[in-house]
Amino acid sequence: MRATALAGAAALLASACATLPGGDSFVVTTGELPPVPTGRTWPDAAQDVRNQRARGNGLVEMPEMQAYLNGLLAKVKTAAGVPNWPGAVYITASNDLEAYCTGAGNIYLSLGWLSSAESEDEIVAILSHEYGHVYLDYHQLEGASNTADKMALWASVGMVLAQKAGNATGWGIGDSMVASYLLGKGVLVPAWGRQQEENADRFGATVSLRLGYSFTQGFKAFLERQDTWEQQNAARREAQKQRVLEQVKLAAADNARKKSAAQGNDAVNHAMREMQASLESGTAGLFQSVDSGVRDLWGQFTESHPSTSARLDSLTAQVMPLMAGKPRPRPSVEPWTRALAQKRSAATLKNYQLAADAQGALQAQDFVRARKLALDAASGPTARQALPLLTLSLAEIGPGGNGMQMQRAAMVLDRNLQSEPDRAWTVYVTRANGLLGSGQGRAAQTVMDQGFTYFNDAPAAWPDAIRFYGQAGDWNRAKQLAAQCASRFPTYANGCNTAALTPAEKAEQERRNEQKAKSLVDRLTKK
C-alpha cells in the first residue's frame, strides 16, 4: 500500500516534469525561438504591480527611465514575435542586483542594476532573459508545484527518518512524512528551476543577437557581474551567520548563569555556573551550527539557480559557433549613458545613494550627518518615495526619540501615504506599529485599516496585517483573516497562519520544534 502510494506520487511528479516547459524533455536551442505558446491567460497587471509595491521598500517612480526600458522591452517582444503581449518594466527600491518577472508579464528591475550596468546591451540581456521566463510560461510551474505539494504530502513516507526518529519524543510518523516530502520536493522543483534558467538564457541570447546587440558587452557582462555580486553576497552572508552564532552562544551562556544564580554566590557555585554556562553555550552553538550546516549543504542540492559561471560557460559554448565569421557588433553605450544622465533619473539615482549613505551614518550613530544626508535624499523627485522617507524618519528620531522628534518622524512617513504613485505597504506597517507601540491603539488601527484596504488584493501584505491585528489584541480577527488568506492566496497560507499565532501558541510551537530538533540530533549523534 505504502509502496503503491509512493510510486503513484513519483509517477505524477515525473509526468509533470516531462510535460511542463521546465522538464527534461523541453530544451531551448540557442539561435532558435520555440513556437509561441497559445491559450495564455494573464493575471491582472495592475494587481500584480500593487503586490510588488507591498514587497520590500516598494517601487521607484522614474518615468523617463521606465519609458526608455519599456522601449527596449517592446523591441524584445517584437523580436520574439509577440509584440502585443502585456507586460511592462518597473523599478524596485533595492541596491541588490535583482531582476525578476511575474505571470502578468511584468519585469521588475532593481536600482542596483541601473547603477551597475554599463551598456544598453547589458540591460537588453537582462530584459530578454526575464522575458524568456514569461514567453515560456514558467509561472504555471507555481501552480503545478502547489498541486504536487498536496498529493505528495499524503503519499511520501520518510523511511530513513522514520527509522532514525520515529520513536523520538515528540517526533511521529507524520513528521517523517512531511520532512521526507519537503526534501524530495526540494530536489524536484529546483531541478525545473535550473532548466528554466538555462532555457531563459538561450531564449534571451537568441533575441539579443537578433536585435544586433553585443554578446560580450551584453550577456557575458550581465552574467559576469551577477556572478561577482553573488560571491560577494555569499561572503557577507557567511560573516552574518558567524555573528548570529556568537549571539546565540552568548545568550545561552547568559541564560545558564541566570538559571543557576539561585544556588549561591560562593566560589564553588560560581565555578559551577561558569562551567554550566560554557556547556550551554557549546550546545547552543552546536545546534545552531548543525542547523546552519544542514541548510547550507541542502542548499547546494536544491539551489533554484545553477552556478552563474557555469551558465555563462554553457551559453558561450553555444553562442560562439553562431557568431563565427560574422562581424562583432559594437557595444551600445551612448543610449544607456544618455538615459542615465536624464535629469530626473540622475537625481533619483543620486538621492537613493544619499539614502544608503544616511543609513551607514545611522549605523555609525552619526545622527547629525545622517539627518543631513537623509534630508537631501528625501527631496526633489524622491520627496515622497518610501525608502528615502523611512531613512529620514529614523534620522529624525535620533538617539533619544522625544515626543517632538517622534511627531516629525511620523509626519515624514505621511508624505508617502499621501502620494498614490509612491505609496508603499512597508510605510503603512511602520507607521501603524509605531503608533501601537506608543500606546495609540485606535490611531494605529485607523492607519492599518486604510493601508490594508488599499493593499487588500496584494497577498504579500496579508501576513503583516494579520500580525498587526493580533498584536493589537484582536486575535479572533487575525485568525479569521488567516483563513481568508489561505483561501484567496494558497501560496501565502503558511505565512498567514504563522502570523495569526498568539504568543502562547508561538511559544508552544517553538517548544515542540526545539524538542523535535533535540531528539533528532540526539539520535543522529547517538547520545
Protein backbone atom coordinates (compact mmCIF):
# COMPACT_ATOMS: atom_id res chain seq x y z
CA MET A 1 0.00 0.00 0.00
CA ARG A 2 2.75 2.39 1.05
CA ALA A 3 4.92 1.46 -1.96
CA THR A 4 1.96 1.89 -4.30
CA ALA A 5 1.20 5.35 -2.95
CA LEU A 6 4.82 6.41 -3.23
CA ALA A 7 5.09 5.04 -6.76
CA GLY A 8 1.91 6.86 -7.71
CA ALA A 9 3.25 10.14 -6.40
CA ALA A 10 6.53 9.61 -8.24
CA ALA A 11 4.67 8.88 -11.48
CA LEU A 12 2.56 12.01 -11.08
CA LEU A 13 5.60 14.21 -10.49
CA ALA A 14 7.61 12.58 -13.28
CA SER A 15 4.71 13.17 -15.66
CA ALA A 16 4.61 16.82 -14.67
CA CYS A 17 8.36 17.10 -15.17
CA ALA A 18 8.08 15.72 -18.71
CA THR A 19 5.18 17.86 -19.86
CA LEU A 20 5.91 21.22 -18.26
CA PRO A 21 8.30 23.57 -20.10
CA GLY A 22 10.94 23.26 -17.38
CA GLY A 23 11.09 19.48 -17.74
CA ASP A 24 13.93 17.39 -19.09
CA SER A 25 12.21 17.00 -22.47
CA PHE A 26 11.99 20.73 -23.09
CA VAL A 27 15.25 22.40 -24.09
CA VAL A 28 15.60 25.70 -25.94
CA THR A 29 18.20 25.71 -28.72
CA THR A 30 20.27 28.88 -28.86
CA GLY A 31 19.64 30.66 -32.17
CA GLU A 32 16.08 29.30 -32.46
CA LEU A 33 12.90 30.52 -30.81
CA PRO A 34 10.38 27.93 -29.57
CA PRO A 35 6.86 28.14 -31.04
CA VAL A 36 4.77 30.89 -29.49
CA PRO A 37 2.72 29.43 -26.62
CA THR A 38 -1.02 29.65 -27.18
CA GLY A 39 -4.04 29.84 -24.92
CA ARG A 40 -2.33 32.11 -22.41
CA THR A 41 -4.26 33.67 -19.57
CA TRP A 42 -2.83 36.78 -17.94
CA PRO A 43 -3.24 37.85 -14.32
CA ASP A 44 -4.38 41.42 -13.71
CA ALA A 45 -1.35 43.63 -14.38
CA ALA A 46 -2.38 46.44 -12.03
CA GLN A 47 -2.96 44.00 -9.17
CA ASP A 48 0.43 42.47 -9.87
CA VAL A 49 2.12 45.89 -9.60
CA ARG A 50 0.34 46.61 -6.33
CA ASN A 51 1.56 43.33 -4.90
CA GLN A 52 5.13 44.26 -5.77
CA ARG A 53 4.60 47.58 -4.00
CA ALA A 54 3.74 45.52 -0.92
CA ARG A 55 7.15 43.84 -1.02
CA GLY A 56 10.36 45.25 0.40
CA ASN A 57 10.57 49.02 0.11
CA GLY A 58 8.16 49.20 -2.82
CA LEU A 59 8.73 50.54 -6.31
CA VAL A 60 10.56 53.62 -7.56
CA GLU A 61 8.82 56.12 -9.84
CA MET A 62 11.27 57.02 -12.64
CA PRO A 63 9.03 57.97 -15.60
CA GLU A 64 11.75 58.74 -18.15
CA MET A 65 13.85 55.70 -17.27
CA GLN A 66 10.78 53.46 -17.33
CA ALA A 67 9.81 54.83 -20.76
CA TYR A 68 13.29 54.01 -22.02
CA LEU A 69 13.24 50.50 -20.51
CA ASN A 70 9.76 49.81 -21.87
CA GLY A 71 11.01 50.82 -25.31
CA LEU A 72 13.70 48.15 -25.01
CA LEU A 73 11.15 45.59 -23.79
CA ALA A 74 8.97 46.40 -26.82
CA LYS A 75 11.93 45.55 -29.06
CA VAL A 76 12.39 42.26 -27.20
CA LYS A 77 8.72 41.36 -27.62
CA THR A 78 8.77 42.21 -31.32
CA ALA A 79 11.91 40.13 -31.93
CA ALA A 80 10.21 37.24 -30.10
CA GLY A 81 7.11 37.56 -32.30
CA VAL A 82 4.77 38.67 -29.51
CA PRO A 83 4.58 42.47 -29.86
CA ASN A 84 1.10 42.72 -28.35
CA TRP A 85 1.71 40.67 -25.23
CA PRO A 86 1.18 42.53 -21.94
CA GLY A 87 3.89 43.49 -19.51
CA ALA A 88 5.98 46.50 -18.57
CA VAL A 89 9.19 47.28 -16.68
CA TYR A 90 9.13 48.59 -13.11
CA ILE A 91 11.99 49.57 -10.83
CA THR A 92 12.43 48.18 -7.32
CA ALA A 93 13.96 50.10 -4.43
CA SER A 94 16.79 47.62 -3.93
CA ASN A 95 20.54 48.09 -4.29
CA ASP A 96 20.99 44.36 -4.90
CA LEU A 97 21.49 43.03 -8.42
CA GLU A 98 17.90 41.84 -8.58
CA ALA A 99 15.62 41.23 -11.54
CA TYR A 100 12.51 39.06 -11.76
CA CYS A 101 9.32 38.70 -13.74
CA THR A 102 5.76 37.70 -12.93
CA GLY A 103 2.99 35.79 -14.66
CA ALA A 104 1.39 39.13 -15.61
CA GLY A 105 4.31 39.72 -17.99
CA ASN A 106 5.85 42.48 -15.86
CA ILE A 107 9.59 42.71 -15.24
CA TYR A 108 10.98 44.21 -12.04
CA LEU A 109 14.50 45.60 -12.26
CA SER A 110 16.43 46.91 -9.25
CA LEU A 111 18.14 50.24 -8.76
CA GLY A 112 21.26 48.15 -8.23
CA TRP A 113 21.22 47.07 -11.88
CA LEU A 114 20.61 50.63 -13.09
CA SER A 115 23.64 51.80 -11.13
CA SER A 116 25.87 48.92 -12.22
CA ALA A 117 25.14 48.18 -15.90
CA GLU A 118 27.50 49.78 -18.40
CA SER A 119 25.66 49.47 -21.71
CA GLU A 120 22.28 49.04 -23.35
CA ASP A 121 23.50 45.61 -24.45
CA GLU A 122 23.66 44.52 -20.80
CA ILE A 123 20.20 45.88 -19.98
CA VAL A 124 18.69 44.14 -23.03
CA ALA A 125 20.35 40.90 -21.91
CA ILE A 126 18.63 41.16 -18.51
CA LEU A 127 15.24 42.06 -20.01
CA SER A 128 15.36 39.36 -22.68
CA HIS A 129 16.38 36.74 -20.11
CA GLU A 130 13.50 37.67 -17.81
CA TYR A 131 11.02 37.81 -20.69
CA GLY A 132 12.19 34.33 -21.61
CA HIS A 133 10.52 33.13 -18.41
CA VAL A 134 7.32 34.93 -19.45
CA TYR A 135 7.42 33.64 -23.03
CA LEU A 136 7.98 30.05 -21.91
CA ASP A 137 5.13 30.34 -19.39
CA TYR A 138 7.23 29.17 -16.48
CA HIS A 139 4.86 30.69 -13.96
CA GLN A 140 2.49 27.75 -14.48
CA LEU A 141 5.06 25.72 -12.51
CA GLU A 142 4.00 27.54 -9.35
CA GLY A 143 0.52 26.06 -9.63
CA ALA A 144 1.90 22.64 -10.56
CA SER A 145 4.18 22.67 -7.55
CA ASN A 146 1.27 23.54 -5.27
CA THR A 147 -0.73 20.60 -6.65
CA ALA A 148 2.25 18.32 -6.16
CA ASP A 149 2.50 19.62 -2.59
CA LYS A 150 -0.98 18.36 -1.71
CA MET A 151 -0.54 14.98 -3.42
CA ALA A 152 2.93 14.17 -2.16
CA LEU A 153 2.18 15.37 1.36
CA TRP A 154 -0.02 12.30 1.83
CA ALA A 155 1.87 9.87 -0.41
CA SER A 156 5.51 10.33 0.68
CA VAL A 157 6.89 8.32 3.58
CA GLY A 158 10.32 9.12 5.07
CA MET A 159 11.60 5.60 5.76
CA VAL A 160 15.06 6.65 6.87
CA LEU A 161 13.86 9.44 9.12
CA ALA A 162 11.13 7.20 10.46
CA GLN A 163 13.72 4.58 11.44
CA LYS A 164 16.05 7.17 12.97
CA ALA A 165 13.50 9.29 14.79
CA GLY A 166 10.14 7.54 14.67
CA ASN A 167 10.23 6.78 18.37
CA ALA A 168 11.89 10.03 19.45
CA THR A 169 9.99 12.16 21.89
CA GLY A 170 7.60 14.44 20.05
CA TRP A 171 8.52 13.06 16.63
CA GLY A 172 5.91 10.98 14.89
CA ILE A 173 5.48 9.31 11.53
CA GLY A 174 3.62 12.38 10.30
CA ASP A 175 6.72 14.50 10.90
CA SER A 176 8.81 11.98 8.99
CA MET A 177 6.37 12.05 6.10
CA VAL A 178 6.44 15.82 5.89
CA ALA A 179 10.22 16.01 6.21
CA SER A 180 10.70 13.36 3.52
CA TYR A 181 8.32 15.14 1.18
CA LEU A 182 9.89 18.54 1.66
CA LEU A 183 13.36 17.16 0.96
CA GLY A 184 12.12 15.30 -2.14
CA LYS A 185 10.25 18.32 -3.44
CA GLY A 186 13.37 20.42 -2.94
CA VAL A 187 15.24 18.18 -5.38
CA LEU A 188 12.48 18.04 -7.99
CA VAL A 189 11.18 21.60 -8.27
CA PRO A 190 14.55 23.40 -8.26
CA ALA A 191 15.63 20.96 -10.98
CA TRP A 192 13.00 22.66 -13.09
CA GLY A 193 14.50 25.94 -11.92
CA ARG A 194 17.92 25.02 -13.25
CA GLN A 195 16.48 24.10 -16.63
CA GLN A 196 14.38 27.26 -16.59
CA GLU A 197 17.42 29.46 -16.13
CA GLU A 198 19.35 27.80 -18.93
CA ASN A 199 16.39 27.98 -21.30
CA ALA A 200 15.80 31.65 -20.42
CA ASP A 201 19.48 32.36 -21.09
CA ARG A 202 19.23 30.71 -24.52
CA PHE A 203 15.99 32.49 -25.34
CA GLY A 204 17.43 35.82 -24.24
CA ALA A 205 20.69 35.39 -26.14
CA THR A 206 18.77 34.46 -29.30
CA VAL A 207 16.62 37.60 -29.05
CA SER A 208 19.59 39.79 -28.13
CA LEU A 209 21.63 38.60 -31.11
CA ARG A 210 18.68 39.07 -33.47
CA LEU A 211 18.45 42.66 -32.27
CA GLY A 212 22.12 43.21 -33.10
CA TYR A 213 23.49 43.58 -29.57
CA SER A 214 26.96 42.57 -28.45
CA PHE A 215 27.18 39.22 -26.68
CA THR A 216 30.41 40.19 -24.92
CA GLN A 217 29.10 43.52 -23.61
CA GLY A 218 25.59 42.11 -23.17
CA PHE A 219 25.01 38.61 -21.82
CA LYS A 220 28.64 37.97 -20.90
CA ALA A 221 28.88 41.24 -18.93
CA PHE A 222 25.46 40.61 -17.30
CA LEU A 223 26.35 37.11 -16.09
CA GLU A 224 29.89 38.06 -15.01
CA ARG A 225 28.56 40.97 -12.97
CA GLN A 226 25.88 38.73 -11.43
CA ASP A 227 28.48 36.08 -10.56
CA THR A 228 30.78 38.59 -8.84
CA TRP A 229 27.91 40.04 -6.83
CA GLU A 230 26.72 36.58 -5.76
CA GLN A 231 30.19 35.68 -4.49
CA GLN A 232 30.46 38.92 -2.54
CA ASN A 233 26.97 38.44 -1.14
CA ALA A 234 27.82 34.87 -0.07
CA ALA A 235 30.80 36.23 1.87
CA ARG A 236 28.56 38.79 3.59
CA ARG A 237 26.05 36.09 4.50
CA GLU A 238 28.80 33.91 5.98
CA ALA A 239 30.04 36.80 8.13
CA GLN A 240 26.48 37.50 9.28
CA LYS A 241 25.94 33.81 10.10
CA GLN A 242 29.02 33.83 12.32
CA ARG A 243 27.76 36.93 14.14
CA VAL A 244 24.41 35.22 14.75
CA LEU A 245 26.19 32.10 16.04
CA GLU A 246 28.16 34.16 18.55
CA GLN A 247 24.99 35.93 19.70
CA VAL A 248 23.23 32.58 20.21
CA LYS A 249 26.13 31.24 22.26
CA LEU A 250 26.36 34.38 24.40
CA ALA A 251 22.60 34.35 25.04
CA ALA A 252 22.68 30.66 26.03
CA ALA A 253 25.55 31.24 28.42
CA ASP A 254 23.80 34.22 29.97
CA ASN A 255 20.59 32.22 30.44
CA ALA A 256 22.53 29.40 32.11
CA ARG A 257 24.09 31.85 34.59
CA LYS A 258 20.69 33.33 35.43
CA LYS A 259 19.12 29.90 36.00
CA SER A 260 21.87 28.81 38.40
CA ALA A 261 22.23 32.14 40.22
CA ALA A 262 19.87 30.99 42.96
CA GLN A 263 22.38 28.35 44.03
CA GLY A 264 24.51 30.92 45.85
CA ASN A 265 27.45 33.20 45.26
CA ASP A 266 30.34 31.28 46.82
CA ALA A 267 33.39 30.41 44.76
CA VAL A 268 32.36 26.78 44.15
CA ASN A 269 28.90 27.72 42.89
CA HIS A 270 30.40 30.48 40.77
CA ALA A 271 32.75 27.97 39.15
CA MET A 272 29.87 25.56 38.58
CA ARG A 273 27.77 28.31 36.98
CA GLU A 274 30.61 29.20 34.60
CA MET A 275 31.04 25.54 33.67
CA GLN A 276 27.31 25.18 33.05
CA ALA A 277 27.30 28.40 31.03
CA SER A 278 30.15 27.07 28.92
CA LEU A 279 28.30 23.81 28.31
CA GLU A 280 25.06 25.62 27.44
CA SER A 281 26.94 27.91 25.08
CA GLY A 282 28.62 24.98 23.36
CA THR A 283 25.34 23.09 22.99
CA ALA A 284 23.57 26.15 21.58
CA GLY A 285 26.44 26.67 19.19
CA LEU A 286 26.26 23.02 18.13
CA PHE A 287 22.55 23.21 17.37
CA GLN A 288 22.96 26.49 15.50
CA SER A 289 25.93 25.11 13.55
CA VAL A 290 24.17 21.84 12.77
CA ASP A 291 21.07 23.71 11.59
CA SER A 292 23.17 26.12 9.53
CA GLY A 293 25.35 23.36 8.14
CA VAL A 294 22.38 21.21 7.11
CA ARG A 295 20.74 24.21 5.45
CA ASP A 296 23.93 25.11 3.59
CA LEU A 297 24.53 21.53 2.48
CA TRP A 298 20.94 21.04 1.40
CA GLY A 299 21.02 24.39 -0.37
CA GLN A 300 23.80 23.12 -2.60
CA PHE A 301 21.48 20.35 -3.82
CA THR A 302 18.28 22.41 -4.03
CA GLU A 303 19.56 25.77 -5.27
CA SER A 304 16.98 27.14 -7.72
CA HIS A 305 19.56 28.88 -9.87
CA PRO A 306 22.54 26.99 -11.27
CA SER A 307 26.05 28.39 -10.88
CA THR A 308 26.17 31.67 -12.79
CA SER A 309 29.68 30.95 -14.04
CA ALA A 310 28.51 27.54 -15.29
CA ARG A 311 25.58 29.21 -17.04
CA LEU A 312 27.98 31.62 -18.76
CA ASP A 313 30.31 28.82 -19.87
CA SER A 314 27.40 26.81 -21.27
CA LEU A 315 25.88 29.78 -23.08
CA THR A 316 29.22 30.95 -24.51
CA ALA A 317 29.87 27.49 -25.96
CA GLN A 318 26.53 27.66 -27.77
CA VAL A 319 26.76 31.28 -28.94
CA MET A 320 30.31 31.27 -30.32
CA PRO A 321 29.53 28.98 -33.31
CA LEU A 322 26.60 31.25 -34.23
CA MET A 323 28.95 34.24 -34.33
CA ALA A 324 31.73 32.54 -36.30
CA GLY A 325 32.77 34.53 -39.35
CA LYS A 326 30.36 37.38 -38.54
CA PRO A 327 31.32 40.94 -37.57
CA ARG A 328 31.07 41.60 -33.85
CA PRO A 329 28.55 44.34 -33.00
CA ARG A 330 29.89 47.43 -31.27
CA PRO A 331 28.56 47.92 -27.74
CA SER A 332 25.63 50.32 -27.46
CA VAL A 333 26.93 52.56 -24.67
CA GLU A 334 25.75 56.04 -25.67
CA PRO A 335 21.96 55.43 -25.43
CA TRP A 336 22.40 53.96 -21.94
CA THR A 337 24.63 56.83 -20.83
CA ARG A 338 22.05 59.29 -22.12
CA ALA A 339 19.23 57.51 -20.24
CA LEU A 340 21.21 57.63 -17.01
CA ALA A 341 22.01 61.31 -17.50
CA GLN A 342 18.37 62.35 -17.92
CA LYS A 343 17.80 64.98 -15.21
CA ARG A 344 15.10 63.30 -13.11
CA SER A 345 16.60 59.82 -13.48
CA ALA A 346 20.06 61.04 -12.46
CA ALA A 347 18.61 62.90 -9.46
CA THR A 348 16.68 59.80 -8.36
CA LEU A 349 19.76 57.57 -8.51
CA LYS A 350 21.79 60.19 -6.64
CA ASN A 351 19.16 60.51 -3.91
CA TYR A 352 18.97 56.77 -3.35
CA GLN A 353 22.73 56.70 -2.96
CA LEU A 354 22.41 59.50 -0.41
CA ALA A 355 19.80 57.41 1.42
CA ALA A 356 22.26 54.49 1.53
CA ASP A 357 24.95 56.83 2.88
CA ALA A 358 22.49 58.09 5.51
CA GLN A 359 21.79 54.52 6.60
CA GLY A 360 25.52 54.00 7.01
CA ALA A 361 25.73 57.13 9.16
CA LEU A 362 22.83 55.87 11.28
CA GLN A 363 24.63 52.58 11.88
CA ALA A 364 27.69 54.58 12.93
CA GLN A 365 25.38 56.62 15.22
CA ASP A 366 26.39 59.85 13.49
CA PHE A 367 22.86 61.25 13.68
CA VAL A 368 23.75 64.78 12.59
CA ARG A 369 25.31 63.60 9.34
CA ALA A 370 22.56 61.01 8.86
CA ARG A 371 19.84 63.65 9.10
CA LYS A 372 21.63 65.98 6.65
CA LEU A 373 22.07 63.18 4.10
CA ALA A 374 18.51 61.91 4.59
CA LEU A 375 17.01 65.38 4.09
CA ASP A 376 18.78 65.61 0.73
CA ALA A 377 17.77 62.05 -0.16
CA ALA A 378 14.08 62.79 0.51
CA SER A 379 13.92 65.79 -1.80
CA GLY A 380 13.16 66.54 -5.43
CA PRO A 381 11.86 63.50 -7.35
CA THR A 382 12.18 61.24 -4.30
CA ALA A 383 10.44 63.56 -1.81
CA ARG A 384 7.53 61.13 -1.41
CA GLN A 385 9.21 57.79 -2.04
CA ALA A 386 9.31 55.13 0.67
CA LEU A 387 12.97 54.31 1.23
CA PRO A 388 14.29 57.90 1.46
CA LEU A 389 11.41 58.81 3.80
CA LEU A 390 11.89 55.75 6.01
CA THR A 391 15.57 56.68 6.31
CA LEU A 392 14.71 60.31 7.13
CA SER A 393 12.17 59.24 9.74
CA LEU A 394 14.85 57.24 11.56
CA ALA A 395 17.25 60.16 11.38
CA GLU A 396 14.56 62.49 12.77
CA ILE A 397 14.05 60.25 15.80
CA GLY A 398 17.76 60.33 16.58
CA PRO A 399 19.28 58.67 19.65
CA GLY A 400 16.69 59.82 22.17
CA GLY A 401 13.36 59.92 20.40
CA ASN A 402 11.40 62.52 22.37
CA GLY A 403 7.79 63.40 21.60
CA MET A 404 8.58 66.17 19.14
CA GLN A 405 11.09 64.02 17.26
CA MET A 406 8.60 61.17 17.03
CA GLN A 407 5.98 63.55 15.67
CA ARG A 408 8.36 64.84 12.99
CA ALA A 409 9.22 61.27 12.02
CA ALA A 410 5.50 60.43 11.69
CA MET A 411 4.86 63.48 9.50
CA VAL A 412 7.74 62.39 7.25
CA LEU A 413 6.13 58.98 6.66
CA ASP A 414 2.74 60.52 5.99
CA ARG A 415 4.20 62.16 2.88
CA ASN A 416 4.44 58.72 1.31
CA LEU A 417 0.93 57.66 2.30
CA GLN A 418 -0.50 60.81 0.71
CA SER A 419 1.11 60.06 -2.67
CA GLU A 420 -0.76 57.34 -4.58
CA PRO A 421 2.01 56.60 -7.13
CA ASP A 422 4.62 56.21 -4.38
CA ARG A 423 2.55 54.57 -1.65
CA ALA A 424 4.33 51.54 -0.14
CA TRP A 425 2.97 48.90 2.21
CA THR A 426 6.06 48.96 4.40
CA VAL A 427 5.31 52.58 5.33
CA TYR A 428 1.79 51.70 6.48
CA VAL A 429 3.21 48.86 8.60
CA THR A 430 5.94 51.06 10.08
CA ARG A 431 3.53 53.90 10.82
CA ALA A 432 0.85 51.65 12.39
CA ASN A 433 3.33 49.72 14.53
CA GLY A 434 4.90 52.98 15.71
CA LEU A 435 1.53 54.27 16.87
CA LEU A 436 0.69 50.95 18.51
CA GLY A 437 4.00 50.91 20.34
CA SER A 438 3.38 54.40 21.71
CA GLY A 439 0.01 53.40 23.12
CA GLN A 440 -2.15 54.98 20.39
CA GLY A 441 -4.06 51.83 19.53
CA ARG A 442 -7.06 53.47 17.88
CA ALA A 443 -4.93 55.70 15.62
CA ALA A 444 -2.73 52.70 14.79
CA GLN A 445 -5.74 50.65 13.73
CA THR A 446 -7.01 53.52 11.56
CA VAL A 447 -3.70 53.63 9.67
CA MET A 448 -3.61 49.86 9.27
CA ASP A 449 -7.25 49.72 8.13
CA GLN A 450 -6.53 52.34 5.46
CA GLY A 451 -3.42 50.54 4.27
CA PHE A 452 -4.99 47.10 4.27
CA THR A 453 -7.99 48.39 2.33
CA TYR A 454 -5.65 49.80 -0.31
CA PHE A 455 -3.43 46.68 -0.45
CA ASN A 456 -6.18 44.10 0.10
CA ASP A 457 -5.56 42.45 -3.28
CA ALA A 458 -1.82 42.18 -2.58
CA PRO A 459 -1.14 38.81 -0.92
CA ALA A 460 2.27 39.99 0.28
CA ALA A 461 0.51 42.46 2.60
CA TRP A 462 -1.65 39.93 4.43
CA PRO A 463 0.84 38.37 6.90
CA ASP A 464 1.87 41.82 8.19
CA ALA A 465 -1.75 42.92 8.59
CA ILE A 466 -2.71 39.69 10.38
CA ARG A 467 0.24 40.04 12.74
CA PHE A 468 -0.67 43.67 13.49
CA TYR A 469 -4.30 42.94 14.35
CA GLY A 470 -3.22 40.12 16.64
CA GLN A 471 -0.65 42.25 18.42
CA ALA A 472 -3.30 44.96 18.76
CA GLY A 473 -5.33 42.45 20.78
CA ASP A 474 -7.81 41.18 18.20
CA TRP A 475 -6.62 37.60 17.76
CA ASN A 476 -10.05 36.48 16.56
CA ARG A 477 -9.83 38.87 13.64
CA ALA A 478 -6.28 37.75 12.98
CA LYS A 479 -7.36 34.11 12.73
CA GLN A 480 -10.35 34.97 10.53
CA LEU A 481 -8.08 36.88 8.17
CA ALA A 482 -5.61 33.99 8.13
CA ALA A 483 -8.40 31.66 6.99
CA GLN A 484 -9.41 34.13 4.25
CA CYS A 485 -5.77 34.46 3.19
CA ALA A 486 -5.36 30.68 2.88
CA SER A 487 -8.49 30.55 0.71
CA ARG A 488 -7.66 33.50 -1.55
CA PHE A 489 -3.86 33.10 -1.73
CA PRO A 490 -2.88 29.45 -1.11
CA THR A 491 0.85 30.11 -1.58
CA TYR A 492 0.73 32.56 1.35
CA ALA A 493 -1.26 30.28 3.66
CA ASN A 494 1.71 29.24 5.79
CA GLY A 495 2.88 32.83 6.33
CA CYS A 496 -0.63 33.99 7.20
CA ASN A 497 -1.28 31.13 9.61
CA THR A 498 2.04 31.73 11.35
CA ALA A 499 1.26 35.44 11.68
CA ALA A 500 -2.02 34.56 13.42
CA LEU A 501 -0.36 32.57 16.23
CA THR A 502 -0.86 34.05 19.68
CA PRO A 503 2.26 34.42 21.87
CA ALA A 504 1.23 31.32 23.81
CA GLU A 505 0.69 29.31 20.61
CA LYS A 506 4.00 30.50 19.19
CA ALA A 507 5.83 29.59 22.41
CA GLU A 508 4.26 26.12 22.35
CA GLN A 509 5.18 25.66 18.69
CA GLU A 510 8.76 26.71 19.39
CA ARG A 511 8.91 24.36 22.38
CA ARG A 512 7.74 21.44 20.25
CA ASN A 513 10.11 22.30 17.41
CA GLU A 514 13.02 22.53 19.82
CA GLN A 515 12.05 19.21 21.40
CA LYS A 516 11.84 17.54 18.00
CA ALA A 517 15.16 19.02 16.90
CA LYS A 518 16.93 17.91 20.08
CA SER A 519 15.50 14.41 19.94
CA LEU A 520 16.51 14.06 16.30
CA VAL A 521 20.04 15.35 16.90
CA ASP A 522 20.35 13.09 19.97
CA ARG A 523 19.54 10.07 17.84
CA LEU A 524 21.74 11.12 14.95
CA THR A 525 24.64 11.71 17.34
CA LYS A 526 23.75 8.55 19.35
CA LYS A 527 23.57 10.49 22.57
